[in-house]
Amino acid sequence: MTRGSEIAPEAGAPAQAVPEHAPPQPAAARSWGVPLAAAVTLALAAFPFAITDPFYQQIVVMTLMYGALGAAWNLVGGFLGRISFGHAVFVGFGAYTTLLLLHHAKVSPWLGIPSGGLIAAAAAFIVGRPTLRLTGHYFAMATIAVLAVAQVLMVNWRWAGGAVGIEAPIADSVWLLLFRSRLPYYWIAFALALLTLWATYALARSKAGYYWRAINGDEAASRSLGVPSERYKMLAFVLSAALTGIWGGFYAIYVGFIDPDSAFSLTLSIQIVLVAILGGVGTIAGPWLGAALLVPLAEGMRVAMGGSGKGFDLLVYGLAIVLVSLFLPRGLIALRLRRGAARG
């Protein structure tokens, strides 16, 4: 879906605030979305029965995770138009909340993961008060600064493991979401991905999503037409952080260990941004398409190169973004939109 073109304004919404440069979405492009999503869902549901190799199942899990993280980031970076390079801070808050509650209070991740989302949302509310007043590269630099400060604080917080980090206990328990097999994590990631897809789709088609596009197009004009821009910018930031924090909690349980360098990593933030940009920002399917291409490609190259290929996945990311920027500036989603336009 393209920004501001496929959503009919609700009653009272300022129609004039929609970005005029948003290209119209072809009718054919709208029609393929639901059948394709259903086909992909069925394929993912059948995948672990057809492919039992844990390595390939892990690739799908990581693809779903990065697609969901990109979709959560897309609420802010795509629909709202505020490019954040510090979104890994919310992954870290969700991850640490989940493992700390499990480690110190024996709280099940069934409660710890949503708690991580709430903590991430609260952090976004606090951080968003000053940073959302900024625009452009000033906002991007502010989010990087927040990420760096959070990493330093966690390194020096001994109760949370300090620089050493914290690990999950070894167990085989449904209540603790700890399994010796990777297959249960596949189904958890699958369910969370469906929840994330539904949430982002519903938000994009809501009044809030319409307002986000209006603010992205021209914030001053949208404010003059009655859009409460500060409130809706904060809403996008908080909801994006909550979804990201939930996935951070899942990631902590899945890998069984986190430390400040991995949970509050600038590289992780950039990877989240890249999957959205590659697939197409401001669209529902874009981040998932980007993750479906980048994650298997990077993992495959890493395995093929072995120990000599350390960091090669980052080279793949960079090359993919350069090529997409040159030939598909609207992302991979533009390929399907072009075909739909040609048929229409």
Foldseek 3Di string as FASTA:
>chain_A
DWAQAPADADPPADNVLFFPPTDHFFPLLVVVVVVVVVVVLVCLVCVCVVDVPVVVLVLVLVLLLLLLLLLLQLLQCFLQNADALFLLVLLLQLQLQQQLCCPPVVQASVVSLLVSLVRLLVVLLVLVVPLVVDGDVSSHVSSLVVLVVSLQVQLPPVSQPHQNWDFHDADDDPRNLHHPDLVVLSVVSSVLSVVSLVVSVVCCRDNLVSLSSSCNNPVVVSVVSPRPVSVSSSVSRSSSSSSSSSSSNSVCNNVGIDGSCVSSDSVSSVSSNLLQQQQFRNDSCRSSVSSVPLSVVLVVVCVVCDPVCVVVSVVVSVVSNVVCVVPPRRHPSVVSSVVSVVVD
